[in-house]
PDB file of all heavy atoms in Angstrom:
ATOM      1  N   VAL A   1     -28.160  79.704  85.200  1.00  0.00           N
ATOM      2  CA  VAL A   1     -27.087  78.786  84.825  1.00  0.00           C
ATOM      3  C   VAL A   1     -25.972  79.582  84.157  1.00  0.00           C
ATOM      4  O   VAL A   1     -26.228  80.617  83.533  1.00  0.00           O
ATOM      5  CB  VAL A   1     -27.623  77.679  83.884  1.00  0.00           C
ATOM      6  CG1 VAL A   1     -28.136  78.264  82.580  1.00  0.00           C
ATOM      7  CG2 VAL A   1     -26.579  76.612  83.631  1.00  0.00           C
ATOM      8  N   GLN A   2     -24.756  79.111  84.301  1.00  0.00           N
ATOM      9  CA  GLN A   2     -23.623  79.768  83.652  1.00  0.00           C
ATOM     10  C   GLN A   2     -23.567  79.402  82.175  1.00  0.00           C
ATOM     11  O   GLN A   2     -24.044  78.338  81.765  1.00  0.00           O
ATOM     12  CB  GLN A   2     -22.324  79.363  84.328  1.00  0.00           C
ATOM     13  CG  GLN A   2     -22.142  79.948  85.723  1.00  0.00           C
ATOM     14  CD  GLN A   2     -20.752  79.692  86.270  1.00  0.00           C
ATOM     15  OE1 GLN A   2     -20.096  78.733  85.884  1.00  0.00           O
ATOM     16  NE2 GLN A   2     -20.311  80.551  87.168  1.00  0.00           N
ATOM     17  N   ALA A   3     -22.991  80.282  81.410  1.00  0.00           N
ATOM     18  CA  ALA A   3     -22.814  80.014  79.985  1.00  0.00           C
ATOM     19  C   ALA A   3     -22.074  78.695  79.805  1.00  0.00           C
ATOM     20  O   ALA A   3     -21.112  78.399  80.519  1.00  0.00           O
ATOM     21  CB  ALA A   3     -22.050  81.149  79.326  1.00  0.00           C
ATOM     22  N   GLY A   4     -22.564  77.912  78.848  1.00  0.00           N
ATOM     23  CA  GLY A   4     -22.004  76.600  78.605  1.00  0.00           C
ATOM     24  C   GLY A   4     -22.690  75.484  79.366  1.00  0.00           C
ATOM     25  O   GLY A   4     -22.450  74.305  79.095  1.00  0.00           O
ATOM     26  N   GLY A   5     -23.551  75.866  80.290  1.00  0.00           N
ATOM     27  CA  GLY A   5     -24.250  74.880  81.100  1.00  0.00           C
ATOM     28  C   GLY A   5     -25.505  74.339  80.431  1.00  0.00           C
ATOM     29  O   GLY A   5     -25.798  74.647  79.267  1.00  0.00           O
ATOM     30  N   SER A   6     -26.238  73.533  81.201  1.00  0.00           N
ATOM     31  CA  SER A   6     -27.428  72.862  80.681  1.00  0.00           C
ATOM     32  C   SER A   6     -28.597  73.008  81.642  1.00  0.00           C
ATOM     33  O   SER A   6     -28.406  73.153  82.851  1.00  0.00           O
ATOM     34  CB  SER A   6     -27.141  71.368  80.467  1.00  0.00           C
ATOM     35  OG  SER A   6     -26.116  71.164  79.528  1.00  0.00           O
ATOM     36  N   LEU A   7     -29.774  72.958  81.066  1.00  0.00           N
ATOM     37  CA  LEU A   7     -31.015  72.895  81.833  1.00  0.00           C
ATOM     38  C   LEU A   7     -31.988  71.989  81.104  1.00  0.00           C
ATOM     39  O   LEU A   7     -31.924  71.868  79.871  1.00  0.00           O
ATOM     40  CB  LEU A   7     -31.652  74.284  81.993  1.00  0.00           C
ATOM     41  CG  LEU A   7     -31.056  75.251  83.001  1.00  0.00           C
ATOM     42  CD1 LEU A   7     -31.749  76.606  82.889  1.00  0.00           C
ATOM     43  CD2 LEU A   7     -31.141  74.730  84.413  1.00  0.00           C
ATOM     44  N   ARG A   8     -32.894  71.402  81.859  1.00  0.00           N
ATOM     45  CA  ARG A   8     -33.959  70.596  81.272  1.00  0.00           C
ATOM     46  C   ARG A   8     -35.298  71.149  81.737  1.00  0.00           C
ATOM     47  O   ARG A   8     -35.600  71.117  82.932  1.00  0.00           O
ATOM     48  CB  ARG A   8     -33.837  69.134  81.674  1.00  0.00           C
ATOM     49  CG  ARG A   8     -34.812  68.215  80.946  1.00  0.00           C
ATOM     50  CD  ARG A   8     -34.881  66.880  81.631  1.00  0.00           C
ATOM     51  NE  ARG A   8     -35.519  65.854  80.793  1.00  0.00           N
ATOM     52  CZ  ARG A   8     -36.101  64.758  81.278  1.00  0.00           C
ATOM     53  NH1 ARG A   8     -36.129  64.562  82.586  1.00  0.00           N
ATOM     54  NH2 ARG A   8     -36.654  63.883  80.460  1.00  0.00           N
ATOM     55  N   LEU A   9     -36.057  71.641  80.789  1.00  0.00           N
ATOM     56  CA  LEU A   9     -37.386  72.144  81.088  1.00  0.00           C
ATOM     57  C   LEU A   9     -38.411  71.038  80.927  1.00  0.00           C
ATOM     58  O   LEU A   9     -38.284  70.175  80.056  1.00  0.00           O
ATOM     59  CB  LEU A   9     -37.747  73.303  80.163  1.00  0.00           C
ATOM     60  CG  LEU A   9     -36.783  74.489  80.131  1.00  0.00           C
ATOM     61  CD1 LEU A   9     -37.331  75.583  79.225  1.00  0.00           C
ATOM     62  CD2 LEU A   9     -36.486  75.017  81.504  1.00  0.00           C
ATOM     63  N   SER A  10     -39.442  71.091  81.764  1.00  0.00           N
ATOM     64  CA  SER A  10     -40.551  70.155  81.667  1.00  0.00           C
ATOM     65  C   SER A  10     -41.851  70.938  81.560  1.00  0.00           C
ATOM     66  O   SER A  10     -41.970  72.042  82.093  1.00  0.00           O
ATOM     67  CB  SER A  10     -40.614  69.251  82.891  1.00  0.00           C
ATOM     68  OG  SER A  10     -39.454  68.477  83.030  1.00  0.00           O
ATOM     69  N   CYS A  11     -42.808  70.352  80.891  1.00  0.00           N
ATOM     70  CA  CYS A  11     -44.132  70.948  80.773  1.00  0.00           C
ATOM     71  C   CYS A  11     -45.150  69.838  80.989  1.00  0.00           C
ATOM     72  O   CYS A  11     -45.278  68.944  80.145  1.00  0.00           O
ATOM     73  CB  CYS A  11     -44.316  71.603  79.420  1.00  0.00           C
ATOM     74  SG  CYS A  11     -46.006  72.206  79.118  1.00  0.00           S
ATOM     75  N   ALA A  12     -45.849  69.914  82.102  1.00  0.00           N
ATOM     76  CA  ALA A  12     -46.848  68.914  82.431  1.00  0.00           C
ATOM     77  C   ALA A  12     -48.232  69.441  82.079  1.00  0.00           C
ATOM     78  O   ALA A  12     -48.613  70.539  82.484  1.00  0.00           O
ATOM     79  CB  ALA A  12     -46.774  68.579  83.914  1.00  0.00           C
ATOM     80  N   ALA A  13     -48.961  68.649  81.320  1.00  0.00           N
ATOM     81  CA  ALA A  13     -50.299  69.043  80.885  1.00  0.00           C
ATOM     82  C   ALA A  13     -51.357  68.287  81.672  1.00  0.00           C
ATOM     83  O   ALA A  13     -51.186  67.105  81.974  1.00  0.00           O
ATOM     84  CB  ALA A  13     -50.460  68.769  79.396  1.00  0.00           C
ATOM     85  N   SER A  14     -52.428  68.963  81.978  1.00  0.00           N
ATOM     86  CA  SER A  14     -53.550  68.319  82.667  1.00  0.00           C
ATOM     87  C   SER A  14     -54.855  68.900  82.140  1.00  0.00           C
ATOM     88  O   SER A  14     -54.869  69.941  81.490  1.00  0.00           O
ATOM     89  CB  SER A  14     -53.445  68.535  84.178  1.00  0.00           C
ATOM     90  OG  SER A  14     -53.502  69.918  84.484  1.00  0.00           O
ATOM     91  N   GLY A  15     -55.936  68.193  82.413  1.00  0.00           N
ATOM     92  CA  GLY A  15     -57.241  68.648  81.978  1.00  0.00           C
ATOM     93  C   GLY A  15     -57.664  68.099  80.640  1.00  0.00           C
ATOM     94  O   GLY A  15     -58.789  68.282  80.209  1.00  0.00           O
ATOM     95  N   ARG A  16     -56.738  67.460  79.973  1.00  0.00           N
ATOM     96  CA  ARG A  16     -57.041  66.845  78.678  1.00  0.00           C
ATOM     97  C   ARG A  16     -55.909  65.892  78.380  1.00  0.00           C
ATOM     98  O   ARG A  16     -54.783  66.085  78.822  1.00  0.00           O
ATOM     99  CB  ARG A  16     -57.131  67.900  77.583  1.00  0.00           C
ATOM    100  CG  ARG A  16     -57.304  67.335  76.187  1.00  0.00           C
ATOM    101  CD  ARG A  16     -57.163  68.385  75.120  1.00  0.00           C
ATOM    102  NE  ARG A  16     -58.269  69.315  75.079  1.00  0.00           N
ATOM    103  CZ  ARG A  16     -58.391  70.294  74.186  1.00  0.00           C
ATOM    104  NH1 ARG A  16     -57.462  70.451  73.266  1.00  0.00           N
ATOM    105  NH2 ARG A  16     -59.411  71.114  74.210  1.00  0.00           N
ATOM    106  N   THR A  17     -56.175  64.898  77.572  1.00  0.00           N
ATOM    107  CA  THR A  17     -55.116  64.011  77.105  1.00  0.00           C
ATOM    108  C   THR A  17     -54.510  64.612  75.843  1.00  0.00           C
ATOM    109  O   THR A  17     -55.200  64.770  74.837  1.00  0.00           O
ATOM    110  CB  THR A  17     -55.652  62.608  76.798  1.00  0.00           C
ATOM    111  OG1 THR A  17     -56.209  62.058  77.993  1.00  0.00           O
ATOM    112  CG2 THR A  17     -54.542  61.717  76.293  1.00  0.00           C
ATOM    113  N   PHE A  18     -53.253  64.941  75.923  1.00  0.00           N
ATOM    114  CA  PHE A  18     -52.598  65.643  74.830  1.00  0.00           C
ATOM    115  C   PHE A  18     -51.816  64.728  73.900  1.00  0.00           C
ATOM    116  O   PHE A  18     -51.051  65.196  73.070  1.00  0.00           O
ATOM    117  CB  PHE A  18     -51.664  66.720  75.397  1.00  0.00           C
ATOM    118  CG  PHE A  18     -52.409  67.870  76.010  1.00  0.00           C
ATOM    119  CD1 PHE A  18     -52.619  67.935  77.363  1.00  0.00           C
ATOM    120  CD2 PHE A  18     -52.921  68.870  75.212  1.00  0.00           C
ATOM    121  CE1 PHE A  18     -53.311  68.992  77.926  1.00  0.00           C
ATOM    122  CE2 PHE A  18     -53.620  69.929  75.762  1.00  0.00           C
ATOM    123  CZ  PHE A  18     -53.818  69.981  77.119  1.00  0.00           C
ATOM    124  N   SER A  19     -52.007  63.437  74.049  1.00  0.00           N
ATOM    125  CA  SER A  19     -51.212  62.509  73.258  1.00  0.00           C
ATOM    126  C   SER A  19     -51.462  62.632  71.764  1.00  0.00           C
ATOM    127  O   SER A  19     -50.665  62.150  70.966  1.00  0.00           O
ATOM    128  CB  SER A  19     -51.463  61.074  73.718  1.00  0.00           C
ATOM    129  OG  SER A  19     -52.832  60.756  73.562  1.00  0.00           O
ATOM    130  N   ARG A  20     -52.570  63.274  71.357  1.00  0.00           N
ATOM    131  CA  ARG A  20     -52.850  63.430  69.929  1.00  0.00           C
ATOM    132  C   ARG A  20     -52.513  64.834  69.417  1.00  0.00           C
ATOM    133  O   ARG A  20     -52.829  65.166  68.283  1.00  0.00           O
ATOM    134  CB  ARG A  20     -54.330  63.134  69.678  1.00  0.00           C
ATOM    135  CG  ARG A  20     -54.696  61.661  69.815  1.00  0.00           C
ATOM    136  CD  ARG A  20     -54.173  60.859  68.647  1.00  0.00           C
ATOM    137  NE  ARG A  20     -54.786  61.269  67.385  1.00  0.00           N
ATOM    138  CZ  ARG A  20     -54.365  60.878  66.195  1.00  0.00           C
ATOM    139  NH1 ARG A  20     -53.306  60.103  66.092  1.00  0.00           N
ATOM    140  NH2 ARG A  20     -54.969  61.276  65.090  1.00  0.00           N
ATOM    141  N   TYR A  21     -51.859  65.626  70.240  1.00  0.00           N
ATOM    142  CA  TYR A  21     -51.565  67.009  69.862  1.00  0.00           C
ATOM    143  C   TYR A  21     -50.061  67.263  69.798  1.00  0.00           C
ATOM    144  O   TYR A  21     -49.322  66.807  70.687  1.00  0.00           O
ATOM    145  CB  TYR A  21     -52.168  67.980  70.877  1.00  0.00           C
ATOM    146  CG  TYR A  21     -53.669  68.039  70.872  1.00  0.00           C
ATOM    147  CD1 TYR A  21     -54.422  67.072  71.519  1.00  0.00           C
ATOM    148  CD2 TYR A  21     -54.333  69.067  70.214  1.00  0.00           C
ATOM    149  CE1 TYR A  21     -55.804  67.130  71.513  1.00  0.00           C
ATOM    150  CE2 TYR A  21     -55.716  69.136  70.205  1.00  0.00           C
ATOM    151  CZ  TYR A  21     -56.447  68.159  70.852  1.00  0.00           C
ATOM    152  OH  TYR A  21     -57.812  68.221  70.838  1.00  0.00           O
ATOM    153  N   ALA A  22     -49.651  67.998  68.780  1.00  0.00           N
ATOM    154  CA  ALA A  22     -48.279  68.491  68.764  1.00  0.00           C
ATOM    155  C   ALA A  22     -48.107  69.507  69.897  1.00  0.00           C
ATOM    156  O   ALA A  22     -49.063  70.171  70.309  1.00  0.00           O
ATOM    157  CB  ALA A  22     -47.976  69.150  67.425  1.00  0.00           C
ATOM    158  N   MET A  23     -46.876  69.613  70.371  1.00  0.00           N
ATOM    159  CA  MET A  23     -46.575  70.573  71.427  1.00  0.00           C
ATOM    160  C   MET A  23     -45.319  71.330  71.059  1.00  0.00           C
ATOM    161  O   MET A  23     -44.465  70.826  70.325  1.00  0.00           O
ATOM    162  CB  MET A  23     -46.426  69.849  72.770  1.00  0.00           C
ATOM    163  CG  MET A  23     -47.697  69.135  73.194  1.00  0.00           C
ATOM    164  SD  MET A  23     -47.636  68.393  74.832  1.00  0.00           S
ATOM    165  CE  MET A  23     -47.699  69.857  75.882  1.00  0.00           C
ATOM    166  N   GLY A  24     -45.238  72.535  71.567  1.00  0.00           N
ATOM    167  CA  GLY A  24     -44.100  73.370  71.215  1.00  0.00           C
ATOM    168  C   GLY A  24     -43.561  74.142  72.401  1.00  0.00           C
ATOM    169  O   GLY A  24     -44.217  74.275  73.431  1.00  0.00           O
ATOM    170  N   TRP A  25     -42.330  74.610  72.207  1.00  0.00           N
ATOM    171  CA  TRP A  25     -41.695  75.523  73.156  1.00  0.00           C
ATOM    172  C   TRP A  25     -41.412  76.835  72.432  1.00  0.00           C
ATOM    173  O   TRP A  25     -40.924  76.839  71.294  1.00  0.00           O
ATOM    174  CB  TRP A  25     -40.387  74.943  73.683  1.00  0.00           C
ATOM    175  CG  TRP A  25     -40.533  73.844  74.682  1.00  0.00           C
ATOM    176  CD1 TRP A  25     -40.475  72.500  74.448  1.00  0.00           C
ATOM    177  CD2 TRP A  25     -40.739  73.987  76.087  1.00  0.00           C
ATOM    178  NE1 TRP A  25     -40.654  71.804  75.607  1.00  0.00           N
ATOM    179  CE2 TRP A  25     -40.808  72.694  76.638  1.00  0.00           C
ATOM    180  CE3 TRP A  25     -40.875  75.085  76.941  1.00  0.00           C
ATOM    181  CZ2 TRP A  25     -41.008  72.460  77.993  1.00  0.00           C
ATOM    182  CZ3 TRP A  25     -41.072  74.864  78.291  1.00  0.00           C
ATOM    183  CH2 TRP A  25     -41.134  73.558  78.803  1.00  0.00           C
ATOM    184  N   PHE A  26     -41.704  77.912  73.116  1.00  0.00           N
ATOM    185  CA  PHE A  26     -41.413  79.252  72.629  1.00  0.00           C
ATOM    186  C   PHE A  26     -40.678  80.003  73.721  1.00  0.00           C
ATOM    187  O   PHE A  26     -40.675  79.575  74.875  1.00  0.00           O
ATOM    188  CB  PHE A  26     -42.717  79.989  72.283  1.00  0.00           C
ATOM    189  CG  PHE A  26     -43.428  79.426  71.083  1.00  0.00           C
ATOM    190  CD1 PHE A  26     -44.135  78.237  71.159  1.00  0.00           C
ATOM    191  CD2 PHE A  26     -43.398  80.097  69.871  1.00  0.00           C
ATOM    192  CE1 PHE A  26     -44.795  77.712  70.057  1.00  0.00           C
ATOM    193  CE2 PHE A  26     -44.052  79.585  68.757  1.00  0.00           C
ATOM    194  CZ  PHE A  26     -44.744  78.393  68.852  1.00  0.00           C
ATOM    195  N   ARG A  27     -40.068  81.117  73.376  1.00  0.00           N
ATOM    196  CA  ARG A  27     -39.408  81.933  74.388  1.00  0.00           C
ATOM    197  C   ARG A  27     -39.596  83.406  74.069  1.00  0.00           C
ATOM    198  O   ARG A  27     -39.787  83.795  72.913  1.00  0.00           O
ATOM    199  CB  ARG A  27     -37.934  81.585  74.500  1.00  0.00           C
ATOM    200  CG  ARG A  27     -37.080  81.914  73.297  1.00  0.00           C
ATOM    201  CD  ARG A  27     -35.676  81.362  73.498  1.00  0.00           C
ATOM    202  NE  ARG A  27     -34.789  81.683  72.369  1.00  0.00           N
ATOM    203  CZ  ARG A  27     -33.554  81.212  72.251  1.00  0.00           C
ATOM    204  NH1 ARG A  27     -33.048  80.384  73.169  1.00  0.00           N
ATOM    205  NH2 ARG A  27     -32.798  81.571  71.216  1.00  0.00           N
ATOM    206  N   GLN A  28     -39.531  84.183  75.123  1.00  0.00           N
ATOM    207  CA  GLN A  28     -39.702  85.624  74.985  1.00  0.00           C
ATOM    208  C   GLN A  28     -38.698  86.336  75.874  1.00  0.00           C
ATOM    209  O   GLN A  28     -38.733  86.192  77.092  1.00  0.00           O
ATOM    210  CB  GLN A  28     -41.136  86.024  75.357  1.00  0.00           C
ATOM    211  CG  GLN A  28     -41.462  87.463  75.056  1.00  0.00           C
ATOM    212  CD  GLN A  28     -42.958  87.735  75.138  1.00  0.00           C
ATOM    213  OE1 GLN A  28     -43.730  86.954  75.701  1.00  0.00           O
ATOM    214  NE2 GLN A  28     -43.389  88.854  74.564  1.00  0.00           N
ATOM    215  N   ALA A  29     -37.823  87.083  75.228  1.00  0.00           N
ATOM    216  CA  ALA A  29     -36.850  87.898  75.946  1.00  0.00           C
ATOM    217  C   ALA A  29     -37.462  89.264  76.236  1.00  0.00           C
ATOM    218  O   ALA A  29     -38.405  89.687  75.557  1.00  0.00           O
ATOM    219  CB  ALA A  29     -35.582  88.043  75.106  1.00  0.00           C
ATOM    220  N   PRO A  30     -36.951  89.984  77.229  1.00  0.00           N
ATOM    221  CA  PRO A  30     -37.507  91.299  77.574  1.00  0.00           C
ATOM    222  C   PRO A  30     -37.526  92.243  76.380  1.00  0.00           C
ATOM    223  O   PRO A  30     -36.524  92.398  75.678  1.00  0.00           O
ATOM    224  CB  PRO A  30     -36.545  91.798  78.652  1.00  0.00           C
ATOM    225  CG  PRO A  30     -36.002  90.566  79.267  1.00  0.00           C
ATOM    226  CD  PRO A  30     -35.884  89.575  78.148  1.00  0.00           C
ATOM    227  N   GLY A  31     -38.680  92.820  76.126  1.00  0.00           N
ATOM    228  CA  GLY A  31     -38.816  93.773  75.041  1.00  0.00           C
ATOM    229  C   GLY A  31     -38.898  93.182  73.658  1.00  0.00           C
ATOM    230  O   GLY A  31     -38.903  93.920  72.667  1.00  0.00           O
ATOM    231  N   LYS A  32     -38.957  91.863  73.587  1.00  0.00           N
ATOM    232  CA  LYS A  32     -39.001  91.199  72.284  1.00  0.00           C
ATOM    233  C   LYS A  32     -40.252  90.345  72.150  1.00  0.00           C
ATOM    234  O   LYS A  32     -40.932  90.054  73.119  1.00  0.00           O
ATOM    235  CB  LYS A  32     -37.744  90.348  72.086  1.00  0.00           C
ATOM    236  CG  LYS A  32     -36.465  91.156  72.052  1.00  0.00           C
ATOM    237  CD  LYS A  32     -35.276  90.290  71.677  1.00  0.00           C
ATOM    238  CE  LYS A  32     -34.014  91.116  71.571  1.00  0.00           C
ATOM    239  NZ  LYS A  32     -32.837  90.299  71.186  1.00  0.00           N
ATOM    240  N   GLU A  33     -40.545  89.947  70.919  1.00  0.00           N
ATOM    241  CA  GLU A  33     -41.701  89.103  70.663  1.00  0.00           C
ATOM    242  C   GLU A  33     -41.425  87.658  71.096  1.00  0.00           C
ATOM    243  O   GLU A  33     -40.273  87.235  71.202  1.00  0.00           O
ATOM    244  CB  GLU A  33     -42.041  89.134  69.166  1.00  0.00           C
ATOM    245  CG  GLU A  33     -42.532  90.487  68.676  1.00  0.00           C
ATOM    246  CD  GLU A  33     -42.942  90.425  67.213  1.00  0.00           C
ATOM    247  OE1 GLU A  33     -42.635  89.427  66.554  1.00  0.00           O
ATOM    248  OE2 GLU A  33     -43.572  91.394  66.754  1.00  0.00           O
ATOM    249  N   ARG A  34     -42.512  86.943  71.309  1.00  0.00           N
ATOM    250  CA  ARG A  34     -42.402  85.519  71.606  1.00  0.00           C
ATOM    251  C   ARG A  34     -42.032  84.792  70.314  1.00  0.00           C
ATOM    252  O   ARG A  34     -42.668  84.984  69.277  1.00  0.00           O
ATOM    253  CB  ARG A  34     -43.726  84.998  72.153  1.00  0.00           C
ATOM    254  CG  ARG A  34     -43.669  83.609  72.711  1.00  0.00           C
ATOM    255  CD  ARG A  34     -44.943  83.251  73.447  1.00  0.00           C
ATOM    256  NE  ARG A  34     -45.197  84.162  74.566  1.00  0.00           N
ATOM    257  CZ  ARG A  34     -46.191  83.978  75.436  1.00  0.00           C
ATOM    258  NH1 ARG A  34     -46.994  82.945  75.333  1.00  0.00           N
ATOM    259  NH2 ARG A  34     -46.375  84.843  76.407  1.00  0.00           N
ATOM    260  N   VAL A  35     -41.008  83.952  70.380  1.00  0.00           N
ATOM    261  CA  VAL A  35     -40.514  83.278  69.180  1.00  0.00           C
ATOM    262  C   VAL A  35     -40.446  81.775  69.382  1.00  0.00           C
ATOM    263  O   VAL A  35     -40.321  81.275  70.500  1.00  0.00           O
ATOM    264  CB  VAL A  35     -39.131  83.821  68.752  1.00  0.00           C
ATOM    265  CG1 VAL A  35     -39.210  85.295  68.392  1.00  0.00           C
ATOM    266  CG2 VAL A  35     -38.091  83.587  69.848  1.00  0.00           C
ATOM    267  N   PHE A  36     -40.508  81.104  68.271  1.00  0.00           N
ATOM    268  CA  PHE A  36     -40.469  79.646  68.240  1.00  0.00           C
ATOM    269  C   PHE A  36     -39.097  79.133  68.658  1.00  0.00           C
ATOM    270  O   PHE A  36     -38.064  79.678  68.253  1.00  0.00           O
ATOM    271  CB  PHE A  36     -40.807  79.178  66.828  1.00  0.00           C
ATOM    272  CG  PHE A  36     -40.617  77.714  66.594  1.00  0.00           C
ATOM    273  CD1 PHE A  36     -41.496  76.790  67.129  1.00  0.00           C
ATOM    274  CD2 PHE A  36     -39.560  77.263  65.819  1.00  0.00           C
ATOM    275  CE1 PHE A  36     -41.324  75.436  66.905  1.00  0.00           C
ATOM    276  CE2 PHE A  36     -39.373  75.915  65.584  1.00  0.00           C
ATOM    277  CZ  PHE A  36     -40.263  75.001  66.129  1.00  0.00           C
ATOM    278  N   VAL A  37     -39.104  78.045  69.436  1.00  0.00           N
ATOM    279  CA  VAL A  37     -37.866  77.382  69.823  1.00  0.00           C
ATOM    280  C   VAL A  37     -37.826  75.965  69.264  1.00  0.00           C
ATOM    281  O   VAL A  37     -36.892  75.583  68.556  1.00  0.00           O
ATOM    282  CB  VAL A  37     -37.714  77.340  71.356  1.00  0.00           C
ATOM    283  CG1 VAL A  37     -36.482  76.530  71.751  1.00  0.00           C
ATOM    284  CG2 VAL A  37     -37.630  78.747  71.926  1.00  0.00           C
ATOM    285  N   ALA A  38     -38.850  75.175  69.578  1.00  0.00           N
ATOM    286  CA  ALA A  38     -38.872  73.771  69.144  1.00  0.00           C
ATOM    287  C   ALA A  38     -40.297  73.254  69.201  1.00  0.00           C
ATOM    288  O   ALA A  38     -41.135  73.794  69.933  1.00  0.00           O
ATOM    289  CB  ALA A  38     -37.967  72.918  70.033  1.00  0.00           C
ATOM    290  N   ALA A  39     -40.554  72.210  68.430  1.00  0.00           N
ATOM    291  CA  ALA A  39     -41.878  71.587  68.440  1.00  0.00           C
ATOM    292  C   ALA A  39     -41.748  70.108  68.163  1.00  0.00           C
ATOM    293  O   ALA A  39     -40.762  69.662  67.540  1.00  0.00           O
ATOM    294  CB  ALA A  39     -42.803  72.246  67.423  1.00  0.00           C
ATOM    295  N   ILE A  40     -42.737  69.363  68.596  1.00  0.00           N
ATOM    296  CA  ILE A  40     -42.748  67.908  68.411  1.00  0.00           C
ATOM    297  C   ILE A  40     -44.167  67.475  68.097  1.00  0.00           C
ATOM    298  O   ILE A  40     -45.133  67.978  68.702  1.00  0.00           O
ATOM    299  CB  ILE A  40     -42.200  67.209  69.673  1.00  0.00           C
ATOM    300  CG1 ILE A  40     -42.023  65.710  69.448  1.00  0.00           C
ATOM    301  CG2 ILE A  40     -43.060  67.491  70.896  1.00  0.00           C
ATOM    302  CD1 ILE A  40     -41.193  65.031  70.551  1.00  0.00           C
ATOM    303  N   ASN A  41     -44.313  66.584  67.126  1.00  0.00           N
ATOM    304  CA  ASN A  41     -45.665  66.173  66.771  1.00  0.00           C
ATOM    305  C   ASN A  41     -46.200  65.177  67.799  1.00  0.00           C
ATOM    306  O   ASN A  41     -45.520  64.804  68.752  1.00  0.00           O
ATOM    307  CB  ASN A  41     -45.715  65.625  65.345  1.00  0.00           C
ATOM    308  CG  ASN A  41     -45.198  64.207  65.236  1.00  0.00           C
ATOM    309  OD1 ASN A  41     -44.364  63.786  66.020  1.00  0.00           O
ATOM    310  ND2 ASN A  41     -45.702  63.476  64.260  1.00  0.00           N
ATOM    311  N   TRP A  42     -47.446  64.745  67.611  1.00  0.00           N
ATOM    312  CA  TRP A  42     -48.125  63.974  68.641  1.00  0.00           C
ATOM    313  C   TRP A  42     -47.424  62.655  68.946  1.00  0.00           C
ATOM    314  O   TRP A  42     -47.412  62.204  70.085  1.00  0.00           O
ATOM    315  CB  TRP A  42     -49.576  63.702  68.228  1.00  0.00           C
ATOM    316  CG  TRP A  42     -49.702  62.812  67.025  1.00  0.00           C
ATOM    317  CD1 TRP A  42     -49.675  63.172  65.715  1.00  0.00           C
ATOM    318  CD2 TRP A  42     -49.835  61.389  67.040  1.00  0.00           C
ATOM    319  NE1 TRP A  42     -49.785  62.079  64.912  1.00  0.00           N
ATOM    320  CE2 TRP A  42     -49.897  60.958  65.694  1.00  0.00           C
ATOM    321  CE3 TRP A  42     -49.931  60.440  68.056  1.00  0.00           C
ATOM    322  CZ2 TRP A  42     -50.036  59.620  65.347  1.00  0.00           C
ATOM    323  CZ3 TRP A  42     -50.075  59.109  67.717  1.00  0.00           C
ATOM    324  CH2 TRP A  42     -50.124  58.713  66.371  1.00  0.00           C
ATOM    325  N   SER A  43     -46.794  62.052  67.949  1.00  0.00           N
ATOM    326  CA  SER A  43     -46.165  60.749  68.165  1.00  0.00           C
ATOM    327  C   SER A  43     -44.714  60.873  68.600  1.00  0.00           C
ATOM    328  O   SER A  43     -44.115  59.885  69.036  1.00  0.00           O
ATOM    329  CB  SER A  43     -46.225  59.924  66.883  1.00  0.00           C
ATOM    330  OG  SER A  43     -45.379  60.478  65.884  1.00  0.00           O
ATOM    331  N   GLY A  44     -44.155  62.065  68.455  1.00  0.00           N
ATOM    332  CA  GLY A  44     -42.736  62.234  68.741  1.00  0.00           C
ATOM    333  C   GLY A  44     -41.848  61.932  67.547  1.00  0.00           C
ATOM    334  O   GLY A  44     -40.626  62.065  67.635  1.00  0.00           O
ATOM    335  N   GLY A  45     -42.451  61.575  66.433  1.00  0.00           N
ATOM    336  CA  GLY A  45     -41.677  61.196  65.266  1.00  0.00           C
ATOM    337  C   GLY A  45     -41.175  62.354  64.429  1.00  0.00           C
ATOM    338  O   GLY A  45     -40.301  62.173  63.587  1.00  0.00           O
ATOM    339  N   THR A  46     -41.728  63.513  64.647  1.00  0.00           N
ATOM    340  CA  THR A  46     -41.320  64.704  63.904  1.00  0.00           C
ATOM    341  C   THR A  46     -41.008  65.827  64.872  1.00  0.00           C
ATOM    342  O   THR A  46     -41.792  66.107  65.777  1.00  0.00           O
ATOM    343  CB  THR A  46     -42.436  65.167  62.950  1.00  0.00           C
ATOM    344  OG1 THR A  46     -42.715  64.131  62.005  1.00  0.00           O
ATOM    345  CG2 THR A  46     -42.012  66.423  62.191  1.00  0.00           C
TER     346      THR A  46
END
């Protein structure tokens, strides 16, 4: 995508019901550590 643009990532879970688990997004750039991006608790309230 060009700078200034948008993307929507999706993460589909299977093999377990994850409705009671917080979930997070992390990212890793080349040569760098994996870092936190965002997280959401099980209900979506936090």
